[in-house]
Amino acid sequence: MITAPATATPERGRITARVPMVVQETLEMAASLMGATLNQFVVQTALREAERIIEQERVIRLSAREAQAFLAALDAPLPPNAALKAALDDYVVRRDDQTGSLDWAPRPKRV
């Protein structure tokens, strides 16, 4: 009896794109120069760019002056205003103390 190997193959998705021939030729040339197939080149390049964009959106970069102002605001926050107090009161009213869950329902749309 022959059994399949125990290693699982990760699920795969498919990406397809229709591009003008000049774009395809450019991508093929770049892939060739990198010693990769067109598919490998496109996936690796797109993945690098996706990771760069995600990193750019997740990380907040501050100058030294901005960082000092941010830390100073954390050390000495402004007192809560009326809107924040009302939101906290609303949260306390909606919170179910037994389960720690929040009894939330969307507000009706304004017409």
PDB file of N, CA and C in Angstrom:
ATOM      1  N   MET A   1       0.838  -1.179   0.000  1.00  0.00           N
ATOM      2  CA  MET A   1       0.000   0.000   0.000  1.00  0.00           C
ATOM      3  C   MET A   1       0.885   1.246   0.000  1.00  0.00           C
ATOM      4  N   ILE A   2       0.608   2.189  -0.871  1.00  0.00           N
ATOM      5  CA  ILE A   2       1.386   3.420  -0.993  1.00  0.00           C
ATOM      6  C   ILE A   2       0.598   4.540  -0.315  1.00  0.00           C
ATOM      7  N   THR A   3       1.259   5.286   0.557  1.00  0.00           N
ATOM      8  CA  THR A   3       0.597   6.399   1.233  1.00  0.00           C
ATOM      9  C   THR A   3       1.230   7.708   0.801  1.00  0.00           C
ATOM     10  N   ALA A   4       0.460   8.760   0.911  1.00  0.00           N
ATOM     11  CA  ALA A   4       0.948  10.090   0.557  1.00  0.00           C
ATOM     12  C   ALA A   4       1.909  10.577   1.629  1.00  0.00           C
ATOM     13  N   PRO A   5       2.856  11.425   1.270  1.00  0.00           N
ATOM     14  CA  PRO A   5       3.779  11.976   2.267  1.00  0.00           C
ATOM     15  C   PRO A   5       3.012  12.769   3.326  1.00  0.00           C
ATOM     16  N   ALA A   6       3.563  12.829   4.513  1.00  0.00           N
ATOM     17  CA  ALA A   6       2.907  13.508   5.629  1.00  0.00           C
ATOM     18  C   ALA A   6       2.954  15.025   5.504  1.00  0.00           C
ATOM     19  N   THR A   7       3.835  15.548   4.674  1.00  0.00           N
ATOM     20  CA  THR A   7       3.954  17.003   4.556  1.00  0.00           C
ATOM     21  C   THR A   7       2.773  17.549   3.778  1.00  0.00           C
ATOM     22  N   ALA A   8       2.174  18.596   4.301  1.00  0.00           N
ATOM     23  CA  ALA A   8       1.028  19.220   3.649  1.00  0.00           C
ATOM     24  C   ALA A   8       1.506  20.294   2.686  1.00  0.00           C
ATOM     25  N   THR A   9       0.867  20.387   1.557  1.00  0.00           N
ATOM     26  CA  THR A   9       1.171  21.424   0.584  1.00  0.00           C
ATOM     27  C   THR A   9       0.330  22.649   0.915  1.00  0.00           C
ATOM     28  N   PRO A  10       0.957  23.816   1.019  1.00  0.00           N
ATOM     29  CA  PRO A  10       0.169  25.010   1.335  1.00  0.00           C
ATOM     30  C   PRO A  10      -0.800  25.328   0.203  1.00  0.00           C
ATOM     31  N   GLU A  11      -1.933  25.885   0.582  1.00  0.00           N
ATOM     32  CA  GLU A  11      -2.908  26.275  -0.442  1.00  0.00           C
ATOM     33  C   GLU A  11      -2.298  27.333  -1.339  1.00  0.00           C
ATOM     34  N   ARG A  12      -2.689  27.298  -2.583  1.00  0.00           N
ATOM     35  CA  ARG A  12      -2.158  28.266  -3.542  1.00  0.00           C
ATOM     36  C   ARG A  12      -3.309  28.996  -4.210  1.00  0.00           C
ATOM     37  N   GLY A  13      -3.077  30.244  -4.505  1.00  0.00           N
ATOM     38  CA  GLY A  13      -4.027  31.046  -5.259  1.00  0.00           C
ATOM     39  C   GLY A  13      -3.454  31.308  -6.635  1.00  0.00           C
ATOM     40  N   ARG A  14      -4.256  31.896  -7.471  1.00  0.00           N
ATOM     41  CA  ARG A  14      -3.812  32.196  -8.826  1.00  0.00           C
ATOM     42  C   ARG A  14      -4.037  33.669  -9.095  1.00  0.00           C
ATOM     43  N   ILE A  15      -3.041  34.289  -9.701  1.00  0.00           N
ATOM     44  CA  ILE A  15      -3.147  35.685 -10.132  1.00  0.00           C
ATOM     45  C   ILE A  15      -2.877  35.709 -11.623  1.00  0.00           C
ATOM     46  N   THR A  16      -3.750  36.338 -12.356  1.00  0.00           N
ATOM     47  CA  THR A  16      -3.526  36.484 -13.797  1.00  0.00           C
ATOM     48  C   THR A  16      -3.681  37.952 -14.157  1.00  0.00           C
ATOM     49  N   ALA A  17      -3.004  38.347 -15.193  1.00  0.00           N
ATOM     50  CA  ALA A  17      -3.094  39.732 -15.649  1.00  0.00           C
ATOM     51  C   ALA A  17      -2.938  39.776 -17.156  1.00  0.00           C
ATOM     52  N   ARG A  18      -3.751  40.557 -17.771  1.00  0.00           N
ATOM     53  CA  ARG A  18      -3.602  40.807 -19.203  1.00  0.00           C
ATOM     54  C   ARG A  18      -2.897  42.143 -19.350  1.00  0.00           C
ATOM     55  N   VAL A  19      -1.772  42.133 -20.063  1.00  0.00           N
ATOM     56  CA  VAL A  19      -0.964  43.336 -20.220  1.00  0.00           C
ATOM     57  C   VAL A  19      -0.600  43.496 -21.690  1.00  0.00           C
ATOM     58  N   PRO A  20      -0.302  44.712 -22.105  1.00  0.00           N
ATOM     59  CA  PRO A  20       0.166  44.915 -23.475  1.00  0.00           C
ATOM     60  C   PRO A  20       1.462  44.135 -23.706  1.00  0.00           C
ATOM     61  N   MET A  21       1.698  43.721 -24.929  1.00  0.00           N
ATOM     62  CA  MET A  21       2.885  42.934 -25.264  1.00  0.00           C
ATOM     63  C   MET A  21       4.173  43.637 -24.849  1.00  0.00           C
ATOM     64  N   VAL A  22       4.230  44.950 -24.978  1.00  0.00           N
ATOM     65  CA  VAL A  22       5.449  45.671 -24.620  1.00  0.00           C
ATOM     66  C   VAL A  22       5.722  45.523 -23.117  1.00  0.00           C
ATOM     67  N   VAL A  23       4.681  45.485 -22.307  1.00  0.00           N
ATOM     68  CA  VAL A  23       4.853  45.296 -20.868  1.00  0.00           C
ATOM     69  C   VAL A  23       5.327  43.872 -20.597  1.00  0.00           C
ATOM     70  N   GLN A  24       4.711  42.899 -21.241  1.00  0.00           N
ATOM     71  CA  GLN A  24       5.118  41.508 -21.058  1.00  0.00           C
ATOM     72  C   GLN A  24       6.579  41.313 -21.465  1.00  0.00           C
ATOM     73  N   GLU A  25       6.969  41.888 -22.591  1.00  0.00           N
ATOM     74  CA  GLU A  25       8.346  41.745 -23.053  1.00  0.00           C
ATOM     75  C   GLU A  25       9.326  42.376 -22.058  1.00  0.00           C
ATOM     76  N   THR A  26       8.968  43.514 -21.506  1.00  0.00           N
ATOM     77  CA  THR A  26       9.819  44.176 -20.515  1.00  0.00           C
ATOM     78  C   THR A  26       9.954  43.309 -19.270  1.00  0.00           C
ATOM     79  N   LEU A  27       8.843  42.763 -18.800  1.00  0.00           N
ATOM     80  CA  LEU A  27       8.877  41.899 -17.616  1.00  0.00           C
ATOM     81  C   LEU A  27       9.693  40.633 -17.881  1.00  0.00           C
ATOM     82  N   GLU A  28       9.527  40.065 -19.078  1.00  0.00           N
ATOM     83  CA  GLU A  28      10.293  38.867 -19.425  1.00  0.00           C
ATOM     84  C   GLU A  28      11.786  39.159 -19.474  1.00  0.00           C
ATOM     85  N   MET A  29      12.152  40.328 -20.000  1.00  0.00           N
ATOM     86  CA  MET A  29      13.564  40.676 -20.066  1.00  0.00           C
ATOM     87  C   MET A  29      14.136  40.856 -18.662  1.00  0.00           C
ATOM     88  N   ALA A  30      13.407  41.547 -17.802  1.00  0.00           N
ATOM     89  CA  ALA A  30      13.870  41.748 -16.430  1.00  0.00           C
ATOM     90  C   ALA A  30      13.987  40.409 -15.707  1.00  0.00           C
ATOM     91  N   ALA A  31      13.012  39.533 -15.893  1.00  0.00           N
ATOM     92  CA  ALA A  31      13.056  38.208 -15.260  1.00  0.00           C
ATOM     93  C   ALA A  31      14.275  37.444 -15.744  1.00  0.00           C
ATOM     94  N   SER A  32      14.528  37.500 -17.024  1.00  0.00           N
ATOM     95  CA  SER A  32      15.671  36.798 -17.594  1.00  0.00           C
ATOM     96  C   SER A  32      16.981  37.316 -17.010  1.00  0.00           C
ATOM     97  N   LEU A  33      17.081  38.625 -16.873  1.00  0.00           N
ATOM     98  CA  LEU A  33      18.293  39.223 -16.305  1.00  0.00           C
ATOM     99  C   LEU A  33      18.504  38.801 -14.850  1.00  0.00           C
ATOM    100  N   MET A  34      17.404  38.510 -14.147  1.00  0.00           N
ATOM    101  CA  MET A  34      17.485  38.084 -12.751  1.00  0.00           C
ATOM    102  C   MET A  34      17.620  36.568 -12.619  1.00  0.00           C
ATOM    103  N   GLY A  35      17.546  35.856 -13.737  1.00  0.00           N
ATOM    104  CA  GLY A  35      17.638  34.403 -13.700  1.00  0.00           C
ATOM    105  C   GLY A  35      16.396  33.748 -13.129  1.00  0.00           C
ATOM    106  N   ALA A  36      15.259  34.364 -13.352  1.00  0.00           N
ATOM    107  CA  ALA A  36      13.995  33.854 -12.820  1.00  0.00           C
ATOM    108  C   ALA A  36      13.010  33.663 -13.961  1.00  0.00           C
ATOM    109  N   THR A  37      11.987  32.875 -13.691  1.00  0.00           N
ATOM    110  CA  THR A  37      10.909  32.777 -14.664  1.00  0.00           C
ATOM    111  C   THR A  37      10.077  34.049 -14.569  1.00  0.00           C
ATOM    112  N   LEU A  38       9.258  34.290 -15.558  1.00  0.00           N
ATOM    113  CA  LEU A  38       8.381  35.465 -15.538  1.00  0.00           C
ATOM    114  C   LEU A  38       7.486  35.408 -14.309  1.00  0.00           C
ATOM    115  N   ASN A  39       6.912  34.247 -14.039  1.00  0.00           N
ATOM    116  CA  ASN A  39       6.026  34.106 -12.891  1.00  0.00           C
ATOM    117  C   ASN A  39       6.771  34.399 -11.590  1.00  0.00           C
ATOM    118  N   GLN A  40       7.973  33.817 -11.422  1.00  0.00           N
ATOM    119  CA  GLN A  40       8.757  34.066 -10.206  1.00  0.00           C
ATOM    120  C   GLN A  40       9.073  35.545 -10.051  1.00  0.00           C
ATOM    121  N   PHE A  41       9.476  36.167 -11.150  1.00  0.00           N
ATOM    122  CA  PHE A  41       9.836  37.585 -11.107  1.00  0.00           C
ATOM    123  C   PHE A  41       8.651  38.446 -10.713  1.00  0.00           C
ATOM    124  N   VAL A  42       7.509  38.214 -11.347  1.00  0.00           N
ATOM    125  CA  VAL A  42       6.324  39.037 -11.066  1.00  0.00           C
ATOM    126  C   VAL A  42       5.884  38.846  -9.614  1.00  0.00           C
ATOM    127  N   VAL A  43       5.839  37.601  -9.156  1.00  0.00           N
ATOM    128  CA  VAL A  43       5.392  37.348  -7.784  1.00  0.00           C
ATOM    129  C   VAL A  43       6.368  37.947  -6.782  1.00  0.00           C
ATOM    130  N   GLN A  44       7.679  37.730  -6.963  1.00  0.00           N
ATOM    131  CA  GLN A  44       8.668  38.253  -6.021  1.00  0.00           C
ATOM    132  C   GLN A  44       8.656  39.779  -5.983  1.00  0.00           C
ATOM    133  N   THR A  45       8.557  40.389  -7.156  1.00  0.00           N
ATOM    134  CA  THR A  45       8.560  41.847  -7.228  1.00  0.00           C
ATOM    135  C   THR A  45       7.290  42.426  -6.613  1.00  0.00           C
ATOM    136  N   ALA A  46       6.150  41.832  -6.929  1.00  0.00           N
ATOM    137  CA  ALA A  46       4.887  42.306  -6.359  1.00  0.00           C
ATOM    138  C   ALA A  46       4.879  42.114  -4.846  1.00  0.00           C
ATOM    139  N   LEU A  47       5.401  40.998  -4.372  1.00  0.00           N
ATOM    140  CA  LEU A  47       5.441  40.743  -2.932  1.00  0.00           C
ATOM    141  C   LEU A  47       6.326  41.751  -2.214  1.00  0.00           C
ATOM    142  N   ARG A  48       7.501  42.033  -2.775  1.00  0.00           N
ATOM    143  CA  ARG A  48       8.392  43.036  -2.167  1.00  0.00           C
ATOM    144  C   ARG A  48       7.695  44.394  -2.080  1.00  0.00           C
ATOM    145  N   GLU A  49       7.020  44.777  -3.143  1.00  0.00           N
ATOM    146  CA  GLU A  49       6.337  46.070  -3.148  1.00  0.00           C
ATOM    147  C   GLU A  49       5.173  46.068  -2.167  1.00  0.00           C
ATOM    148  N   ALA A  50       4.444  44.977  -2.086  1.00  0.00           N
ATOM    149  CA  ALA A  50       3.338  44.880  -1.133  1.00  0.00           C
ATOM    150  C   ALA A  50       3.855  45.000   0.296  1.00  0.00           C
ATOM    151  N   GLU A  51       4.943  44.315   0.612  1.00  0.00           N
ATOM    152  CA  GLU A  51       5.530  44.387   1.954  1.00  0.00           C
ATOM    153  C   GLU A  51       6.018  45.797   2.262  1.00  0.00           C
ATOM    154  N   ARG A  52       6.587  46.465   1.269  1.00  0.00           N
ATOM    155  CA  ARG A  52       7.055  47.844   1.452  1.00  0.00           C
ATOM    156  C   ARG A  52       5.877  48.768   1.763  1.00  0.00           C
ATOM    157  N   ILE A  53       4.790  48.618   1.027  1.00  0.00           N
ATOM    158  CA  ILE A  53       3.608  49.465   1.236  1.00  0.00           C
ATOM    159  C   ILE A  53       3.003  49.203   2.608  1.00  0.00           C
ATOM    160  N   ILE A  54       2.895  47.935   2.989  1.00  0.00           N
ATOM    161  CA  ILE A  54       2.331  47.594   4.299  1.00  0.00           C
ATOM    162  C   ILE A  54       3.186  48.186   5.408  1.00  0.00           C
ATOM    163  N   GLU A  55       4.494  48.044   5.296  1.00  0.00           N
ATOM    164  CA  GLU A  55       5.411  48.608   6.293  1.00  0.00           C
ATOM    165  C   GLU A  55       5.261  50.122   6.361  1.00  0.00           C
ATOM    166  N   GLN A  56       5.162  50.757   5.214  1.00  0.00           N
ATOM    167  CA  GLN A  56       5.034  52.213   5.141  1.00  0.00           C
ATOM    168  C   GLN A  56       3.758  52.668   5.843  1.00  0.00           C
ATOM    169  N   GLU A  57       2.683  51.899   5.704  1.00  0.00           N
ATOM    170  CA  GLU A  57       1.412  52.281   6.301  1.00  0.00           C
ATOM    171  C   GLU A  57       1.335  51.930   7.788  1.00  0.00           C
ATOM    172  N   ARG A  58       2.095  50.959   8.243  1.00  0.00           N
ATOM    173  CA  ARG A  58       2.052  50.535   9.646  1.00  0.00           C
ATOM    174  C   ARG A  58       2.977  51.341  10.541  1.00  0.00           C
ATOM    175  N   VAL A  59       4.053  51.840  10.002  1.00  0.00           N
ATOM    176  CA  VAL A  59       5.063  52.511  10.811  1.00  0.00           C
ATOM    177  C   VAL A  59       4.861  54.018  10.739  1.00  0.00           C
ATOM    178  N   ILE A  60       4.869  54.630  11.902  1.00  0.00           N
ATOM    179  CA  ILE A  60       4.780  56.085  11.962  1.00  0.00           C
ATOM    180  C   ILE A  60       6.186  56.610  12.220  1.00  0.00           C
ATOM    181  N   ARG A  61       6.653  57.422  11.331  1.00  0.00           N
ATOM    182  CA  ARG A  61       7.995  57.971  11.475  1.00  0.00           C
ATOM    183  C   ARG A  61       7.878  59.431  11.936  1.00  0.00           C
ATOM    184  N   LEU A  62       8.578  59.721  13.006  1.00  0.00           N
ATOM    185  CA  LEU A  62       8.552  61.064  13.565  1.00  0.00           C
ATOM    186  C   LEU A  62       9.960  61.627  13.619  1.00  0.00           C
ATOM    187  N   SER A  63      10.053  62.926  13.442  1.00  0.00           N
ATOM    188  CA  SER A  63      11.335  63.591  13.669  1.00  0.00           C
ATOM    189  C   SER A  63      11.577  63.594  15.177  1.00  0.00           C
ATOM    190  N   ALA A  64      12.769  63.959  15.581  1.00  0.00           N
ATOM    191  CA  ALA A  64      13.090  64.020  17.013  1.00  0.00           C
ATOM    192  C   ALA A  64      12.158  65.005  17.721  1.00  0.00           C
ATOM    193  N   ARG A  65      11.880  66.113  17.080  1.00  0.00           N
ATOM    194  CA  ARG A  65      10.996  67.132  17.666  1.00  0.00           C
ATOM    195  C   ARG A  65       9.570  66.601  17.783  1.00  0.00           C
ATOM    196  N   GLU A  66       9.086  65.929  16.743  1.00  0.00           N
ATOM    197  CA  GLU A  66       7.738  65.364  16.781  1.00  0.00           C
ATOM    198  C   GLU A  66       7.632  64.272  17.842  1.00  0.00           C
ATOM    199  N   ALA A  67       8.672  63.452  17.970  1.00  0.00           N
ATOM    200  CA  ALA A  67       8.678  62.392  18.975  1.00  0.00           C
ATOM    201  C   ALA A  67       8.638  62.990  20.384  1.00  0.00           C
ATOM    202  N   GLN A  68       9.386  64.049  20.612  1.00  0.00           N
ATOM    203  CA  GLN A  68       9.362  64.705  21.923  1.00  0.00           C
ATOM    204  C   GLN A  68       7.973  65.253  22.236  1.00  0.00           C
ATOM    205  N   ALA A  69       7.338  65.880  21.248  1.00  0.00           N
ATOM    206  CA  ALA A  69       5.992  66.425  21.456  1.00  0.00           C
ATOM    207  C   ALA A  69       4.998  65.303  21.737  1.00  0.00           C
ATOM    208  N   PHE A  70       5.125  64.184  21.035  1.00  0.00           N
ATOM    209  CA  PHE A  70       4.236  63.043  21.245  1.00  0.00           C
ATOM    210  C   PHE A  70       4.411  62.484  22.655  1.00  0.00           C
ATOM    211  N   LEU A  71       5.645  62.284  23.073  1.00  0.00           N
ATOM    212  CA  LEU A  71       5.909  61.749  24.411  1.00  0.00           C
ATOM    213  C   LEU A  71       5.443  62.719  25.494  1.00  0.00           C
ATOM    214  N   ALA A  72       5.613  64.011  25.266  1.00  0.00           N
ATOM    215  CA  ALA A  72       5.138  65.005  26.230  1.00  0.00           C
ATOM    216  C   ALA A  72       3.617  64.945  26.357  1.00  0.00           C
ATOM    217  N   ALA A  73       2.930  64.746  25.245  1.00  0.00           N
ATOM    218  CA  ALA A  73       1.467  64.630  25.283  1.00  0.00           C
ATOM    219  C   ALA A  73       1.046  63.372  26.033  1.00  0.00           C
ATOM    220  N   LEU A  74       1.805  62.287  25.896  1.00  0.00           N
ATOM    221  CA  LEU A  74       1.498  61.066  26.642  1.00  0.00           C
ATOM    222  C   LEU A  74       1.730  61.264  28.137  1.00  0.00           C
ATOM    223  N   ASP A  75       2.784  62.009  28.485  1.00  0.00           N
ATOM    224  CA  ASP A  75       3.108  62.248  29.889  1.00  0.00           C
ATOM    225  C   ASP A  75       2.118  63.197  30.559  1.00  0.00           C
ATOM    226  N   ALA A  76       1.562  64.115  29.804  1.00  0.00           N
ATOM    227  CA  ALA A  76       0.637  65.108  30.367  1.00  0.00           C
ATOM    228  C   ALA A  76      -0.580  65.241  29.448  1.00  0.00           C
ATOM    229  N   PRO A  77      -1.455  64.236  29.440  1.00  0.00           N
ATOM    230  CA  PRO A  77      -2.609  64.305  28.538  1.00  0.00           C
ATOM    231  C   PRO A  77      -3.600  65.383  28.969  1.00  0.00           C
ATOM    232  N   LEU A  78      -4.351  65.868  28.000  1.00  0.00           N
ATOM    233  CA  LEU A  78      -5.398  66.833  28.300  1.00  0.00           C
ATOM    234  C   LEU A  78      -6.500  66.124  29.084  1.00  0.00           C
ATOM    235  N   PRO A  79      -7.242  66.857  29.916  1.00  0.00           N
ATOM    236  CA  PRO A  79      -8.351  66.224  30.632  1.00  0.00           C
ATOM    237  C   PRO A  79      -9.438  65.809  29.634  1.00  0.00           C
ATOM    238  N   PRO A  80     -10.232  64.784  29.976  1.00  0.00           N
ATOM    239  CA  PRO A  80     -11.275  64.339  29.045  1.00  0.00           C
ATOM    240  C   PRO A  80     -12.312  65.438  28.813  1.00  0.00           C
ATOM    241  N   ASN A  81     -12.713  65.570  27.549  1.00  0.00           N
ATOM    242  CA  ASN A  81     -13.725  66.576  27.219  1.00  0.00           C
ATOM    243  C   ASN A  81     -15.123  65.950  27.339  1.00  0.00           C
ATOM    244  N   ALA A  82     -16.147  66.735  27.079  1.00  0.00           N
ATOM    245  CA  ALA A  82     -17.525  66.270  27.245  1.00  0.00           C
ATOM    246  C   ALA A  82     -17.841  65.091  26.327  1.00  0.00           C
ATOM    247  N   ALA A  83     -17.346  65.108  25.110  1.00  0.00           N
ATOM    248  CA  ALA A  83     -17.637  64.015  24.166  1.00  0.00           C
ATOM    249  C   ALA A  83     -17.017  62.704  24.650  1.00  0.00           C
ATOM    250  N   LEU A  84     -15.796  62.756  25.167  1.00  0.00           N
ATOM    251  CA  LEU A  84     -15.157  61.543  25.674  1.00  0.00           C
ATOM    252  C   LEU A  84     -15.889  61.019  26.908  1.00  0.00           C
ATOM    253  N   LYS A  85     -16.293  61.931  27.798  1.00  0.00           N
ATOM    254  CA  LYS A  85     -17.042  61.516  28.988  1.00  0.00           C
ATOM    255  C   LYS A  85     -18.365  60.867  28.590  1.00  0.00           C
ATOM    256  N   ALA A  86     -19.049  61.442  27.606  1.00  0.00           N
ATOM    257  CA  ALA A  86     -20.317  60.866  27.140  1.00  0.00           C
ATOM    258  C   ALA A  86     -20.094  59.497  26.519  1.00  0.00           C
ATOM    259  N   ALA A  87     -19.023  59.326  25.765  1.00  0.00           N
ATOM    260  CA  ALA A  87     -18.723  58.024  25.158  1.00  0.00           C
ATOM    261  C   ALA A  87     -18.436  56.989  26.232  1.00  0.00           C
ATOM    262  N   LEU A  88     -17.716  57.361  27.267  1.00  0.00           N
ATOM    263  CA  LEU A  88     -17.426  56.436  28.360  1.00  0.00           C
ATOM    264  C   LEU A  88     -18.706  56.061  29.097  1.00  0.00           C
ATOM    265  N   ASP A  89     -19.561  57.050  29.371  1.00  0.00           N
ATOM    266  CA  ASP A  89     -20.842  56.767  30.029  1.00  0.00           C
ATOM    267  C   ASP A  89     -21.673  55.813  29.177  1.00  0.00           C
ATOM    268  N   ASP A  90     -21.692  56.036  27.871  1.00  0.00           N
ATOM    269  CA  ASP A  90     -22.443  55.171  26.956  1.00  0.00           C
ATOM    270  C   ASP A  90     -21.882  53.756  26.983  1.00  0.00           C
ATOM    271  N   TYR A  91     -20.561  53.628  27.018  1.00  0.00           N
ATOM    272  CA  TYR A  91     -19.921  52.320  27.084  1.00  0.00           C
ATOM    273  C   TYR A  91     -20.310  51.593  28.370  1.00  0.00           C
ATOM    274  N   VAL A  92     -20.267  52.294  29.484  1.00  0.00           N
ATOM    275  CA  VAL A  92     -20.590  51.677  30.767  1.00  0.00           C
ATOM    276  C   VAL A  92     -22.032  51.191  30.769  1.00  0.00           C
ATOM    277  N   VAL A  93     -22.934  51.967  30.192  1.00  0.00           N
ATOM    278  CA  VAL A  93     -24.344  51.570  30.143  1.00  0.00           C
ATOM    279  C   VAL A  93     -24.526  50.330  29.268  1.00  0.00           C
ATOM    280  N   ARG A  94     -23.832  50.255  28.161  1.00  0.00           N
ATOM    281  CA  ARG A  94     -23.995  49.134  27.217  1.00  0.00           C
ATOM    282  C   ARG A  94     -23.228  47.877  27.618  1.00  0.00           C
ATOM    283  N   ARG A  95     -22.210  48.015  28.442  1.00  0.00           N
ATOM    284  CA  ARG A  95     -21.371  46.881  28.802  1.00  0.00           C
ATOM    285  C   ARG A  95     -22.133  45.898  29.676  1.00  0.00           C
ATOM    286  N   ASP A  96     -21.967  44.639  29.381  1.00  0.00           N
ATOM    287  CA  ASP A  96     -22.563  43.595  30.195  1.00  0.00           C
ATOM    288  C   ASP A  96     -21.501  43.146  31.178  1.00  0.00           C
ATOM    289  N   ASP A  97     -21.637  43.531  32.443  1.00  0.00           N
ATOM    290  CA  ASP A  97     -20.605  43.249  33.441  1.00  0.00           C
ATOM    291  C   ASP A  97     -20.408  41.759  33.698  1.00  0.00           C
ATOM    292  N   GLN A  98     -21.405  40.926  33.404  1.00  0.00           N
ATOM    293  CA  GLN A  98     -21.281  39.496  33.672  1.00  0.00           C
ATOM    294  C   GLN A  98     -20.310  38.821  32.701  1.00  0.00           C
ATOM    295  N   THR A  99     -20.361  39.189  31.433  1.00  0.00           N
ATOM    296  CA  THR A  99     -19.552  38.498  30.432  1.00  0.00           C
ATOM    297  C   THR A  99     -18.413  39.353  29.903  1.00  0.00           C
ATOM    298  N   GLY A 100     -18.443  40.622  30.211  1.00  0.00           N
ATOM    299  CA  GLY A 100     -17.420  41.503  29.677  1.00  0.00           C
ATOM    300  C   GLY A 100     -17.670  41.865  28.223  1.00  0.00           C
ATOM    301  N   SER A 101     -18.846  41.465  27.712  1.00  0.00           N
ATOM    302  CA  SER A 101     -19.141  41.790  26.317  1.00  0.00           C
ATOM    303  C   SER A 101     -19.858  43.126  26.242  1.00  0.00           C
ATOM    304  N   LEU A 102     -19.982  43.627  25.063  1.00  0.00           N
ATOM    305  CA  LEU A 102     -20.584  44.933  24.840  1.00  0.00           C
ATOM    306  C   LEU A 102     -21.887  44.740  24.091  1.00  0.00           C
ATOM    307  N   ASP A 103     -22.970  45.277  24.629  1.00  0.00           N
ATOM    308  CA  ASP A 103     -24.270  45.210  23.965  1.00  0.00           C
ATOM    309  C   ASP A 103     -24.328  46.367  22.973  1.00  0.00           C
ATOM    310  N   TRP A 104     -23.899  46.083  21.759  1.00  0.00           N
ATOM    311  CA  TRP A 104     -23.751  47.143  20.768  1.00  0.00           C
ATOM    312  C   TRP A 104     -24.757  46.972  19.654  1.00  0.00           C
ATOM    313  N   ALA A 105     -25.335  48.062  19.248  1.00  0.00           N
ATOM    314  CA  ALA A 105     -26.206  48.072  18.074  1.00  0.00           C
ATOM    315  C   ALA A 105     -25.880  49.342  17.297  1.00  0.00           C
ATOM    316  N   PRO A 106     -25.905  49.261  15.969  1.00  0.00           N
ATOM    317  CA  PRO A 106     -25.593  50.468  15.197  1.00  0.00           C
ATOM    318  C   PRO A 106     -26.622  51.543  15.425  1.00  0.00           C
ATOM    319  N   ARG A 107     -26.182  52.761  15.383  1.00  0.00           N
ATOM    320  CA  ARG A 107     -27.108  53.886  15.521  1.00  0.00           C
ATOM    321  C   ARG A 107     -27.945  53.993  14.253  1.00  0.00           C
ATOM    322  N   PRO A 108     -29.187  54.441  14.400  1.00  0.00           N
ATOM    323  CA  PRO A 108     -30.019  54.620  13.198  1.00  0.00           C
ATOM    324  C   PRO A 108     -29.407  55.681  12.288  1.00  0.00           C
ATOM    325  N   LYS A 109     -29.587  55.461  11.001  1.00  0.00           N
ATOM    326  CA  LYS A 109     -29.047  56.441  10.030  1.00  0.00           C
ATOM    327  C   LYS A 109     -29.833  57.722  10.116  1.00  0.00           C
ATOM    328  N   ARG A 110     -29.112  58.845  10.016  1.00  0.00           N
ATOM    329  CA  ARG A 110     -29.768  60.144   9.984  1.00  0.00           C
ATOM    330  C   ARG A 110     -30.318  60.373   8.602  1.00  0.00           C
ATOM    331  N   VAL A 111     -31.528  60.891   8.559  1.00  0.00           N
ATOM    332  CA  VAL A 111     -32.162  61.155   7.255  1.00  0.00           C
ATOM    333  C   VAL A 111     -32.278  62.620   7.012  1.00  0.00           C
TER     334      VAL A 111
END
